[in-house]
Amino acid sequence: EVQLVESGGGLVQPGGSLRLSCTVSGFTFDDYTMGWFRQAPGKEREGVSYIMTNEGNTGYTDSVKGRFTISSDSAKNTIYLQMNSVKPEDAGVYYCAPVIFLQIGAASPMDVMRNAFDVWGRGTPVTVST
């Protein structure tokens, strides 16, 4: 059974930092690219970042480039999202998932990134406020 447990969210001031974690089980971690998604109130869930766990290659949506850093620890079956210089538009519930890409080599990988198993965890909420 695939299980995804996100944590680390909370209230952060604009310009502040948070580190999200996601621990997974039920599949072979190194066999999958892992991704972070987020869903803001009233909006659709969107891809934020991915990491190829066996290679370390990463990708980010344009709005977080230079501010967010994704990483992974295969020994712990865990991925992380370091969020720096957080902006109000970063608020939402953050989810992780093993991912697939509907199109290889797409100009915008986030647009074609999907949850490989269509199983979601509860997510971890990020609130950005003074």
C-alpha atoms as a PDB file:
ATOM      1  CA  GLU A   1       0.000   0.000   0.000  1.00  0.00           C
ATOM      2  CA  VAL A   2       1.416   3.353  -1.031  1.00  0.00           C
ATOM      3  CA  GLN A   3       1.629   5.787   1.854  1.00  0.00           C
ATOM      4  CA  LEU A   4       2.754   9.399   1.694  1.00  0.00           C
ATOM      5  CA  VAL A   5       3.221  11.425   4.861  1.00  0.00           C
ATOM      6  CA  GLU A   6       3.982  15.111   4.516  1.00  0.00           C
ATOM      7  CA  SER A   7       5.070  17.314   7.413  1.00  0.00           C
ATOM      8  CA  GLY A   8       6.797  20.563   8.248  1.00  0.00           C
ATOM      9  CA  GLY A   9       4.201  23.059   7.148  1.00  0.00           C
ATOM     10  CA  GLY A  10       3.007  25.914   9.274  1.00  0.00           C
ATOM     11  CA  LEU A  11       2.769  29.655   9.543  1.00  0.00           C
ATOM     12  CA  VAL A  12       5.626  31.621   8.040  1.00  0.00           C
ATOM     13  CA  GLN A  13       6.139  35.312   7.508  1.00  0.00           C
ATOM     14  CA  PRO A  14       6.831  36.651   4.030  1.00  0.00           C
ATOM     15  CA  GLY A  15      10.535  36.305   3.432  1.00  0.00           C
ATOM     16  CA  GLY A  16      10.814  33.487   5.919  1.00  0.00           C
ATOM     17  CA  SER A  17      11.757  29.838   5.496  1.00  0.00           C
ATOM     18  CA  LEU A  18      10.227  26.409   5.998  1.00  0.00           C
ATOM     19  CA  ARG A  19      11.453  22.894   5.392  1.00  0.00           C
ATOM     20  CA  LEU A  20       8.895  20.354   4.311  1.00  0.00           C
ATOM     21  CA  SER A  21       9.424  16.606   4.567  1.00  0.00           C
ATOM     22  CA  CYS A  22       7.689  13.678   2.944  1.00  0.00           C
ATOM     23  CA  THR A  23       8.259  10.081   3.979  1.00  0.00           C
ATOM     24  CA  VAL A  24       6.938   7.370   1.720  1.00  0.00           C
ATOM     25  CA  SER A  25       6.376   3.630   1.784  1.00  0.00           C
ATOM     26  CA  GLY A  26       4.775   0.941  -0.314  1.00  0.00           C
ATOM     27  CA  PHE A  27       6.995   1.236  -3.373  1.00  0.00           C
ATOM     28  CA  THR A  28      10.689   1.240  -4.229  1.00  0.00           C
ATOM     29  CA  PHE A  29      11.804   4.799  -3.571  1.00  0.00           C
ATOM     30  CA  ASP A  30      14.741   4.834  -5.984  1.00  0.00           C
ATOM     31  CA  ASP A  31      12.597   3.552  -8.857  1.00  0.00           C
ATOM     32  CA  TYR A  32      10.627   6.780  -9.041  1.00  0.00           C
ATOM     33  CA  THR A  33      11.071  10.439  -9.597  1.00  0.00           C
ATOM     34  CA  MET A  34       9.496  12.200  -6.643  1.00  0.00           C
ATOM     35  CA  GLY A  35       7.612  15.456  -6.805  1.00  0.00           C
ATOM     36  CA  TRP A  36       6.052  18.184  -4.722  1.00  0.00           C
ATOM     37  CA  PHE A  37       2.667  19.648  -5.588  1.00  0.00           C
ATOM     38  CA  ARG A  38       0.703  22.409  -3.935  1.00  0.00           C
ATOM     39  CA  GLN A  39      -2.897  23.515  -3.926  1.00  0.00           C
ATOM     40  CA  ALA A  40      -3.921  27.023  -2.993  1.00  0.00           C
ATOM     41  CA  PRO A  41      -7.465  27.737  -1.873  1.00  0.00           C
ATOM     42  CA  GLY A  42      -9.790  27.816  -4.840  1.00  0.00           C
ATOM     43  CA  LYS A  43      -7.109  26.706  -7.265  1.00  0.00           C
ATOM     44  CA  GLU A  44      -6.111  23.462  -8.890  1.00  0.00           C
ATOM     45  CA  ARG A  45      -3.197  21.460  -7.598  1.00  0.00           C
ATOM     46  CA  GLU A  46       0.018  22.370  -9.404  1.00  0.00           C
ATOM     47  CA  GLY A  47       3.465  20.849  -9.674  1.00  0.00           C
ATOM     48  CA  VAL A  48       6.182  22.660  -7.773  1.00  0.00           C
ATOM     49  CA  SER A  49       9.328  20.583  -8.034  1.00  0.00           C
ATOM     50  CA  TYR A  50      10.692  17.131  -8.775  1.00  0.00           C
ATOM     51  CA  ILE A  51      13.812  15.131  -8.087  1.00  0.00           C
ATOM     52  CA  MET A  52      15.115  12.060  -9.851  1.00  0.00           C
ATOM     53  CA  THR A  53      16.001  10.102  -6.749  1.00  0.00           C
ATOM     54  CA  ASN A  54      18.576   7.849  -8.419  1.00  0.00           C
ATOM     55  CA  GLU A  55      20.356  10.672 -10.276  1.00  0.00           C
ATOM     56  CA  GLY A  56      19.710  13.798  -8.277  1.00  0.00           C
ATOM     57  CA  ASN A  57      18.445  15.825 -11.229  1.00  0.00           C
ATOM     58  CA  THR A  58      15.879  18.382 -10.181  1.00  0.00           C
ATOM     59  CA  GLY A  59      13.298  20.690 -11.681  1.00  0.00           C
ATOM     60  CA  TYR A  60      11.202  23.596 -10.443  1.00  0.00           C
ATOM     61  CA  THR A  61       8.261  25.614 -11.525  1.00  0.00           C
ATOM     62  CA  ASP A  62       9.374  29.087 -12.576  1.00  0.00           C
ATOM     63  CA  SER A  63       7.799  30.874  -9.630  1.00  0.00           C
ATOM     64  CA  VAL A  64       9.988  29.058  -7.072  1.00  0.00           C
ATOM     65  CA  LYS A  65      13.295  28.838  -8.925  1.00  0.00           C
ATOM     66  CA  GLY A  66      16.119  30.225  -6.839  1.00  0.00           C
ATOM     67  CA  ARG A  67      14.016  30.100  -3.657  1.00  0.00           C
ATOM     68  CA  PHE A  68      13.061  26.458  -3.176  1.00  0.00           C
ATOM     69  CA  THR A  69      15.385  23.456  -3.078  1.00  0.00           C
ATOM     70  CA  ILE A  70      14.275  19.856  -3.334  1.00  0.00           C
ATOM     71  CA  SER A  71      16.407  17.034  -1.963  1.00  0.00           C
ATOM     72  CA  SER A  72      16.062  13.379  -1.098  1.00  0.00           C
ATOM     73  CA  ASP A  73      17.415  10.798   1.313  1.00  0.00           C
ATOM     74  CA  SER A  74      17.032   7.290  -0.045  1.00  0.00           C
ATOM     75  CA  ALA A  75      18.045   5.715   3.257  1.00  0.00           C
ATOM     76  CA  LYS A  76      15.020   7.347   4.853  1.00  0.00           C
ATOM     77  CA  ASN A  77      12.628   7.126   1.882  1.00  0.00           C
ATOM     78  CA  THR A  78      12.170  10.828   2.343  1.00  0.00           C
ATOM     79  CA  ILE A  79      12.199  13.934   0.219  1.00  0.00           C
ATOM     80  CA  TYR A  80      12.447  17.493   1.397  1.00  0.00           C
ATOM     81  CA  LEU A  81      11.505  20.922   0.148  1.00  0.00           C
ATOM     82  CA  GLN A  82      13.491  23.804   1.553  1.00  0.00           C
ATOM     83  CA  MET A  83      11.440  26.929   1.068  1.00  0.00           C
ATOM     84  CA  ASN A  84      13.297  30.225   1.376  1.00  0.00           C
ATOM     85  CA  SER A  85      12.177  33.802   0.739  1.00  0.00           C
ATOM     86  CA  VAL A  86       8.608  32.606   0.999  1.00  0.00           C
ATOM     87  CA  LYS A  87       5.966  34.746  -0.693  1.00  0.00           C
ATOM     88  CA  PRO A  88       2.236  35.012  -0.013  1.00  0.00           C
ATOM     89  CA  GLU A  89       1.542  33.202  -3.286  1.00  0.00           C
ATOM     90  CA  ASP A  90       3.408  30.161  -1.938  1.00  0.00           C
ATOM     91  CA  ALA A  91       0.584  29.498   0.523  1.00  0.00           C
ATOM     92  CA  GLY A  92      -1.390  26.305   0.139  1.00  0.00           C
ATOM     93  CA  VAL A  93      -1.371  22.649   1.011  1.00  0.00           C
ATOM     94  CA  TYR A  94       1.765  20.855  -0.125  1.00  0.00           C
ATOM     95  CA  TYR A  95       1.712  17.242  -1.229  1.00  0.00           C
ATOM     96  CA  CYS A  96       4.386  14.841  -2.366  1.00  0.00           C
ATOM     97  CA  ALA A  97       4.051  11.907  -4.710  1.00  0.00           C
ATOM     98  CA  PRO A  98       5.983   9.607  -6.995  1.00  0.00           C
ATOM     99  CA  VAL A  99       5.525  11.133 -10.411  1.00  0.00           C
ATOM    100  CA  ILE A 100       5.431  10.435 -14.103  1.00  0.00           C
ATOM    101  CA  PHE A 101       5.655  12.855 -16.975  1.00  0.00           C
ATOM    102  CA  LEU A 102       3.057  12.698 -19.709  1.00  0.00           C
ATOM    103  CA  GLN A 103       5.623  14.036 -22.161  1.00  0.00           C
ATOM    104  CA  ILE A 104       9.366  13.488 -22.039  1.00  0.00           C
ATOM    105  CA  GLY A 105      11.396  16.596 -22.717  1.00  0.00           C
ATOM    106  CA  ALA A 106       8.461  18.945 -22.321  1.00  0.00           C
ATOM    107  CA  ALA A 107       9.329  22.622 -22.266  1.00  0.00           C
ATOM    108  CA  SER A 108       7.371  22.932 -19.012  1.00  0.00           C
ATOM    109  CA  PRO A 109       7.798  19.662 -17.090  1.00  0.00           C
ATOM    110  CA  MET A 110       5.538  20.863 -14.266  1.00  0.00           C
ATOM    111  CA  ASP A 111       2.626  21.069 -16.696  1.00  0.00           C
ATOM    112  CA  VAL A 112       2.930  17.394 -17.581  1.00  0.00           C
ATOM    113  CA  MET A 113       3.933  16.023 -14.171  1.00  0.00           C
ATOM    114  CA  ARG A 114       1.364  13.680 -12.641  1.00  0.00           C
ATOM    115  CA  ASN A 115       1.041  11.525  -9.566  1.00  0.00           C
ATOM    116  CA  ALA A 116       2.179   8.067 -10.659  1.00  0.00           C
ATOM    117  CA  PHE A 117      -0.257   6.187  -8.407  1.00  0.00           C
ATOM    118  CA  ASP A 118      -2.995   8.783  -7.964  1.00  0.00           C
ATOM    119  CA  VAL A 119      -2.673   8.276  -4.227  1.00  0.00           C
ATOM    120  CA  TRP A 120      -2.355  11.381  -2.096  1.00  0.00           C
ATOM    121  CA  GLY A 121      -1.342  11.962   1.460  1.00  0.00           C
ATOM    122  CA  ARG A 122      -3.020  14.487   3.708  1.00  0.00           C
ATOM    123  CA  GLY A 123      -0.597  17.172   2.711  1.00  0.00           C
ATOM    124  CA  THR A 124       0.981  19.786   4.926  1.00  0.00           C
ATOM    125  CA  PRO A 125      -0.435  23.317   4.969  1.00  0.00           C
ATOM    126  CA  VAL A 126       1.710  26.390   4.498  1.00  0.00           C
ATOM    127  CA  THR A 127       0.305  29.731   5.567  1.00  0.00           C
ATOM    128  CA  VAL A 128       2.152  32.920   4.689  1.00  0.00           C
ATOM    129  CA  SER A 129       1.200  35.868   6.803  1.00  0.00           C
ATOM    130  CA  THR A 130       2.554  38.620   8.985  1.00  0.00           C
END
